[in-house]
Amino acid sequence: MPLSTPSNRSLFHTRSVKCQGYKREDGLWDIEGHMTDVKAYDMPHPDTSDKTLKANQALHDMWLRITVDMDLVIHDAEAAMDSTPFEYCPQITPAYKQLIGLQIKGGFTKQVKALLGGINGCTHLIELLGPMATTAFQTTHQIRRQTQDWTETGPVPQIMDTCHSWSRSGPVVKRKWPHFFASDAENDS
């Protein structure tokens, strides 16, 4: 484990997130996210006092699939909930069709929260969209890299300025794409 050794402790909660990207025969890409929350102890079921949620039984077991093109525009979306704290929760899954037409790019999270935030969606599915967006980018990146013009005359790659390493004024960009490199002084002007 790369983290420091903690003091004695007991596991209480595990959230698992798994995202996978699939290339489809029709040229689109399916990005699937699956999120579970489990407690390490028995607890009263949140929806009814006469039931117990057993240790390691899923409190949340939720799925979301988005179908994107090479520009990361969403063509379809489907949500499903196998385990939820309340029977009422799965009624919101059709709302995720509102993702259709959005593009995964800067501002995506803000758009998602405007459409599906608060009472218009599910907090957990919105949280799942973050790693799914990254998975969409990672799934399609090599193909986009091979097919898009990232030369001096082409557009700036989407990855530019998305993190510390991909800063236009950093050593990675200077080495890989010197034609996109800009010193801090150039970025400030």
C-alpha atoms as a PDB file:
ATOM      1  CA  MET A   1       0.000   0.000   0.000  1.00  0.00           C
ATOM      2  CA  PRO A   2       1.505   3.364  -0.961  1.00  0.00           C
ATOM      3  CA  LEU A   3      -0.127   5.233   1.948  1.00  0.00           C
ATOM      4  CA  SER A   4       1.431   5.461   5.372  1.00  0.00           C
ATOM      5  CA  THR A   5       0.577   2.803   7.942  1.00  0.00           C
ATOM      6  CA  PRO A   6      -2.482   3.961   9.882  1.00  0.00           C
ATOM      7  CA  SER A   7      -3.265   3.367  13.528  1.00  0.00           C
ATOM      8  CA  ASN A   8      -5.450   0.438  14.553  1.00  0.00           C
ATOM      9  CA  ARG A   9      -8.823   0.727  12.911  1.00  0.00           C
ATOM     10  CA  SER A  10     -11.994  -1.174  11.945  1.00  0.00           C
ATOM     11  CA  LEU A  11     -13.633  -1.166   8.525  1.00  0.00           C
ATOM     12  CA  PHE A  12     -17.113   0.377   8.574  1.00  0.00           C
ATOM     13  CA  HIS A  13     -17.960   1.165   4.951  1.00  0.00           C
ATOM     14  CA  THR A  14     -16.812   0.226   1.445  1.00  0.00           C
ATOM     15  CA  ARG A  15     -17.729   2.070  -1.720  1.00  0.00           C
ATOM     16  CA  SER A  16     -16.701   0.286  -4.898  1.00  0.00           C
ATOM     17  CA  VAL A  17     -16.743   1.942  -8.304  1.00  0.00           C
ATOM     18  CA  LYS A  18     -15.984   0.054 -11.488  1.00  0.00           C
ATOM     19  CA  CYS A  19     -16.083   1.635 -14.924  1.00  0.00           C
ATOM     20  CA  GLN A  20     -15.549  -0.133 -18.229  1.00  0.00           C
ATOM     21  CA  GLY A  21     -15.438   1.089 -21.822  1.00  0.00           C
ATOM     22  CA  TYR A  22     -16.601  -0.974 -24.793  1.00  0.00           C
ATOM     23  CA  LYS A  23     -16.218  -0.381 -28.522  1.00  0.00           C
ATOM     24  CA  ARG A  24     -19.449  -1.145 -30.356  1.00  0.00           C
ATOM     25  CA  GLU A  25     -19.856  -2.505 -33.881  1.00  0.00           C
ATOM     26  CA  ASP A  26     -21.683   0.679 -34.926  1.00  0.00           C
ATOM     27  CA  GLY A  27     -18.667   2.890 -34.152  1.00  0.00           C
ATOM     28  CA  LEU A  28     -20.037   4.194 -30.860  1.00  0.00           C
ATOM     29  CA  TRP A  29     -18.689   3.442 -27.381  1.00  0.00           C
ATOM     30  CA  ASP A  30     -20.514   2.163 -24.308  1.00  0.00           C
ATOM     31  CA  ILE A  31     -19.184   3.389 -20.989  1.00  0.00           C
ATOM     32  CA  GLU A  32     -20.597   1.489 -18.037  1.00  0.00           C
ATOM     33  CA  GLY A  33     -20.327   2.453 -14.410  1.00  0.00           C
ATOM     34  CA  HIS A  34     -21.248   0.321 -11.410  1.00  0.00           C
ATOM     35  CA  MET A  35     -21.236   1.612  -7.842  1.00  0.00           C
ATOM     36  CA  THR A  36     -21.887  -0.250  -4.606  1.00  0.00           C
ATOM     37  CA  ASP A  37     -21.943   0.825  -0.974  1.00  0.00           C
ATOM     38  CA  VAL A  38     -21.775  -1.823   1.753  1.00  0.00           C
ATOM     39  CA  LYS A  39     -21.513  -1.590   5.514  1.00  0.00           C
ATOM     40  CA  ALA A  40     -19.325  -3.934   7.545  1.00  0.00           C
ATOM     41  CA  TYR A  41     -22.055  -4.314  10.163  1.00  0.00           C
ATOM     42  CA  ASP A  42     -25.763  -5.083  10.394  1.00  0.00           C
ATOM     43  CA  MET A  43     -27.988  -2.013  10.461  1.00  0.00           C
ATOM     44  CA  PRO A  44     -31.696  -1.215  10.383  1.00  0.00           C
ATOM     45  CA  HIS A  45     -32.898  -0.882   6.794  1.00  0.00           C
ATOM     46  CA  PRO A  46     -33.382   2.846   6.055  1.00  0.00           C
ATOM     47  CA  ASP A  47     -36.785   2.301   4.399  1.00  0.00           C
ATOM     48  CA  THR A  48     -38.452   0.152   7.017  1.00  0.00           C
ATOM     49  CA  SER A  49     -37.769  -0.518  10.668  1.00  0.00           C
ATOM     50  CA  ASP A  50     -38.840  -4.161  10.462  1.00  0.00           C
ATOM     51  CA  LYS A  51     -35.946  -5.182   8.165  1.00  0.00           C
ATOM     52  CA  THR A  52     -32.214  -5.421   8.735  1.00  0.00           C
ATOM     53  CA  LEU A  53     -29.556  -4.684   6.186  1.00  0.00           C
ATOM     54  CA  LYS A  54     -26.961  -7.374   6.871  1.00  0.00           C
ATOM     55  CA  ALA A  55     -23.232  -6.715   6.925  1.00  0.00           C
ATOM     56  CA  ASN A  56     -21.767  -6.736   3.399  1.00  0.00           C
ATOM     57  CA  GLN A  57     -25.228  -6.537   1.823  1.00  0.00           C
ATOM     58  CA  ALA A  58     -25.410  -3.669  -0.662  1.00  0.00           C
ATOM     59  CA  LEU A  59     -27.108  -0.515   0.514  1.00  0.00           C
ATOM     60  CA  HIS A  60     -26.500   0.965  -2.951  1.00  0.00           C
ATOM     61  CA  ASP A  61     -26.015  -1.168  -6.064  1.00  0.00           C
ATOM     62  CA  MET A  62     -26.385   1.144  -9.050  1.00  0.00           C
ATOM     63  CA  TRP A  63     -25.535   1.051 -12.724  1.00  0.00           C
ATOM     64  CA  LEU A  64     -25.242   3.685 -15.410  1.00  0.00           C
ATOM     65  CA  ARG A  65     -24.398   3.325 -19.097  1.00  0.00           C
ATOM     66  CA  ILE A  66     -23.716   6.146 -21.500  1.00  0.00           C
ATOM     67  CA  THR A  67     -23.123   5.667 -25.208  1.00  0.00           C
ATOM     68  CA  VAL A  68     -20.740   8.189 -26.752  1.00  0.00           C
ATOM     69  CA  ASP A  69     -19.202   8.961 -30.125  1.00  0.00           C
ATOM     70  CA  MET A  70     -15.579   9.896 -30.837  1.00  0.00           C
ATOM     71  CA  ASP A  71     -16.308  13.508 -29.880  1.00  0.00           C
ATOM     72  CA  LEU A  72     -17.632  12.221 -26.524  1.00  0.00           C
ATOM     73  CA  VAL A  73     -21.170  13.354 -27.292  1.00  0.00           C
ATOM     74  CA  ILE A  74     -23.701  11.206 -25.434  1.00  0.00           C
ATOM     75  CA  HIS A  75     -26.101   9.364 -27.756  1.00  0.00           C
ATOM     76  CA  ASP A  76     -27.893   7.256 -25.144  1.00  0.00           C
ATOM     77  CA  ALA A  77     -28.043   6.805 -21.392  1.00  0.00           C
ATOM     78  CA  GLU A  78     -29.557   4.143 -19.162  1.00  0.00           C
ATOM     79  CA  ALA A  79     -29.623   3.861 -15.374  1.00  0.00           C
ATOM     80  CA  ALA A  80     -30.597   0.935 -13.144  1.00  0.00           C
ATOM     81  CA  MET A  81     -30.724   0.425  -9.390  1.00  0.00           C
ATOM     82  CA  ASP A  82     -30.563  -3.090  -7.954  1.00  0.00           C
ATOM     83  CA  SER A  83     -30.299  -2.034  -4.291  1.00  0.00           C
ATOM     84  CA  THR A  84     -31.334   1.286  -2.812  1.00  0.00           C
ATOM     85  CA  PRO A  85     -32.094   2.566   0.670  1.00  0.00           C
ATOM     86  CA  PHE A  86     -35.653   3.491  -0.380  1.00  0.00           C
ATOM     87  CA  GLU A  87     -38.140   1.839  -2.739  1.00  0.00           C
ATOM     88  CA  TYR A  88     -38.745   5.278  -4.237  1.00  0.00           C
ATOM     89  CA  CYS A  89     -35.139   5.694  -5.483  1.00  0.00           C
ATOM     90  CA  PRO A  90     -35.392   3.748  -8.796  1.00  0.00           C
ATOM     91  CA  GLN A  91     -38.187   6.017 -10.018  1.00  0.00           C
ATOM     92  CA  ILE A  92     -35.550   8.615 -10.983  1.00  0.00           C
ATOM     93  CA  THR A  93     -33.647   6.370 -13.423  1.00  0.00           C
ATOM     94  CA  PRO A  94     -35.540   7.544 -16.562  1.00  0.00           C
ATOM     95  CA  ALA A  95     -34.315  11.102 -15.861  1.00  0.00           C
ATOM     96  CA  TYR A  96     -30.828  10.060 -16.959  1.00  0.00           C
ATOM     97  CA  LYS A  97     -32.004  10.098 -20.592  1.00  0.00           C
ATOM     98  CA  GLN A  98     -31.507  13.878 -20.223  1.00  0.00           C
ATOM     99  CA  LEU A  99     -27.779  13.236 -20.615  1.00  0.00           C
ATOM    100  CA  ILE A 100     -28.356  12.579 -24.322  1.00  0.00           C
ATOM    101  CA  GLY A 101     -26.786  15.373 -26.348  1.00  0.00           C
ATOM    102  CA  LEU A 102     -24.294  16.498 -23.692  1.00  0.00           C
ATOM    103  CA  GLN A 103     -20.603  16.393 -24.572  1.00  0.00           C
ATOM    104  CA  ILE A 104     -17.952  15.267 -22.119  1.00  0.00           C
ATOM    105  CA  LYS A 105     -15.642  18.269 -22.032  1.00  0.00           C
ATOM    106  CA  GLY A 106     -14.914  21.197 -19.744  1.00  0.00           C
ATOM    107  CA  GLY A 107     -18.090  22.158 -17.891  1.00  0.00           C
ATOM    108  CA  PHE A 108     -19.644  18.672 -18.183  1.00  0.00           C
ATOM    109  CA  THR A 109     -20.078  18.228 -14.427  1.00  0.00           C
ATOM    110  CA  LYS A 110     -21.725  21.629 -14.139  1.00  0.00           C
ATOM    111  CA  GLN A 111     -24.187  20.754 -16.933  1.00  0.00           C
ATOM    112  CA  VAL A 112     -24.978  17.398 -15.315  1.00  0.00           C
ATOM    113  CA  LYS A 113     -25.669  19.055 -11.963  1.00  0.00           C
ATOM    114  CA  ALA A 114     -27.902  21.653 -13.632  1.00  0.00           C
ATOM    115  CA  LEU A 115     -29.976  18.877 -15.238  1.00  0.00           C
ATOM    116  CA  LEU A 116     -29.915  16.183 -12.574  1.00  0.00           C
ATOM    117  CA  GLY A 117     -28.736  17.801  -9.361  1.00  0.00           C
ATOM    118  CA  GLY A 118     -30.733  17.917  -6.140  1.00  0.00           C
ATOM    119  CA  ILE A 119     -34.223  16.470  -6.349  1.00  0.00           C
ATOM    120  CA  ASN A 120     -33.927  15.986 -10.131  1.00  0.00           C
ATOM    121  CA  GLY A 121     -31.583  13.017  -9.846  1.00  0.00           C
ATOM    122  CA  CYS A 122     -29.600  10.690  -7.630  1.00  0.00           C
ATOM    123  CA  THR A 123     -26.491  11.920  -5.826  1.00  0.00           C
ATOM    124  CA  HIS A 124     -24.772   8.573  -6.287  1.00  0.00           C
ATOM    125  CA  LEU A 125     -25.373   8.354 -10.040  1.00  0.00           C
ATOM    126  CA  ILE A 126     -24.135  11.920 -10.473  1.00  0.00           C
ATOM    127  CA  GLU A 127     -20.975  11.003  -8.526  1.00  0.00           C
ATOM    128  CA  LEU A 128     -20.559   7.940 -10.756  1.00  0.00           C
ATOM    129  CA  LEU A 129     -20.556  10.136 -13.871  1.00  0.00           C
ATOM    130  CA  GLY A 130     -17.192  11.653 -12.854  1.00  0.00           C
ATOM    131  CA  PRO A 131     -15.181   8.448 -13.194  1.00  0.00           C
ATOM    132  CA  MET A 132     -17.325   7.446 -16.170  1.00  0.00           C
ATOM    133  CA  ALA A 133     -16.367  10.641 -18.003  1.00  0.00           C
ATOM    134  CA  THR A 134     -12.696   9.883 -17.376  1.00  0.00           C
ATOM    135  CA  THR A 135     -13.269   6.303 -18.537  1.00  0.00           C
ATOM    136  CA  ALA A 136     -14.867   7.587 -21.755  1.00  0.00           C
ATOM    137  CA  PHE A 137     -11.848   9.758 -22.372  1.00  0.00           C
ATOM    138  CA  GLN A 138      -9.407   6.915 -21.618  1.00  0.00           C
ATOM    139  CA  THR A 139     -11.377   4.381 -23.678  1.00  0.00           C
ATOM    140  CA  THR A 140     -11.348   6.504 -26.822  1.00  0.00           C
ATOM    141  CA  HIS A 141      -8.041   8.328 -26.368  1.00  0.00           C
ATOM    142  CA  GLN A 142      -5.767   6.102 -28.468  1.00  0.00           C
ATOM    143  CA  ILE A 143      -8.206   6.041 -31.392  1.00  0.00           C
ATOM    144  CA  ARG A 144      -8.693   9.819 -31.196  1.00  0.00           C
ATOM    145  CA  ARG A 145      -4.918  10.256 -31.011  1.00  0.00           C
ATOM    146  CA  GLN A 146      -4.523   8.225 -34.208  1.00  0.00           C
ATOM    147  CA  THR A 147      -7.308   9.994 -36.088  1.00  0.00           C
ATOM    148  CA  GLN A 148      -7.123  13.608 -34.924  1.00  0.00           C
ATOM    149  CA  ASP A 149      -4.645  16.175 -36.176  1.00  0.00           C
ATOM    150  CA  TRP A 150      -2.564  17.223 -33.172  1.00  0.00           C
ATOM    151  CA  THR A 151       0.081  18.854 -35.307  1.00  0.00           C
ATOM    152  CA  GLU A 152       0.876  22.554 -35.395  1.00  0.00           C
ATOM    153  CA  THR A 153      -2.071  23.212 -37.716  1.00  0.00           C
ATOM    154  CA  GLY A 154      -4.557  21.057 -35.792  1.00  0.00           C
ATOM    155  CA  PRO A 155      -6.671  21.883 -32.755  1.00  0.00           C
ATOM    156  CA  VAL A 156      -5.250  21.791 -29.237  1.00  0.00           C
ATOM    157  CA  PRO A 157      -5.789  18.281 -27.798  1.00  0.00           C
ATOM    158  CA  GLN A 158      -8.586  18.044 -25.226  1.00  0.00           C
ATOM    159  CA  ILE A 159      -6.152  16.710 -22.665  1.00  0.00           C
ATOM    160  CA  MET A 160      -4.224  19.998 -22.604  1.00  0.00           C
ATOM    161  CA  ASP A 161      -4.382  21.833 -19.252  1.00  0.00           C
ATOM    162  CA  THR A 162      -6.546  19.124 -17.640  1.00  0.00           C
ATOM    163  CA  CYS A 163      -3.981  18.371 -14.922  1.00  0.00           C
ATOM    164  CA  HIS A 164      -0.566  19.315 -13.578  1.00  0.00           C
ATOM    165  CA  SER A 165       1.349  17.081 -16.004  1.00  0.00           C
ATOM    166  CA  TRP A 166      -0.586  18.243 -19.078  1.00  0.00           C
ATOM    167  CA  SER A 167      -0.039  21.950 -18.386  1.00  0.00           C
ATOM    168  CA  ARG A 168       0.824  23.843 -21.572  1.00  0.00           C
ATOM    169  CA  SER A 169       3.744  25.345 -19.643  1.00  0.00           C
ATOM    170  CA  GLY A 170       4.988  22.010 -18.301  1.00  0.00           C
ATOM    171  CA  PRO A 171       7.777  19.623 -19.293  1.00  0.00           C
ATOM    172  CA  VAL A 172       5.469  16.903 -20.683  1.00  0.00           C
ATOM    173  CA  VAL A 173       3.884  19.214 -23.259  1.00  0.00           C
ATOM    174  CA  LYS A 174       7.247  20.802 -24.034  1.00  0.00           C
ATOM    175  CA  ARG A 175       8.653  17.334 -24.828  1.00  0.00           C
ATOM    176  CA  LYS A 176       5.641  15.689 -26.523  1.00  0.00           C
ATOM    177  CA  TRP A 177       4.057  18.662 -28.300  1.00  0.00           C
ATOM    178  CA  PRO A 178       6.520  21.544 -28.354  1.00  0.00           C
ATOM    179  CA  HIS A 179       4.281  23.388 -30.813  1.00  0.00           C
ATOM    180  CA  PHE A 180       1.610  23.650 -28.055  1.00  0.00           C
ATOM    181  CA  PHE A 181       4.091  24.607 -25.331  1.00  0.00           C
ATOM    182  CA  ALA A 182       3.628  28.040 -23.810  1.00  0.00           C
ATOM    183  CA  SER A 183       5.721  29.457 -21.005  1.00  0.00           C
ATOM    184  CA  ASP A 184       3.920  30.802 -17.940  1.00  0.00           C
ATOM    185  CA  ALA A 185       4.527  34.336 -19.251  1.00  0.00           C
ATOM    186  CA  GLU A 186       2.802  33.430 -22.538  1.00  0.00           C
ATOM    187  CA  ASN A 187      -0.152  31.872 -20.663  1.00  0.00           C
ATOM    188  CA  ASP A 188      -0.631  35.049 -18.626  1.00  0.00           C
ATOM    189  CA  SER A 189      -0.975  37.295 -21.686  1.00  0.00           C
END
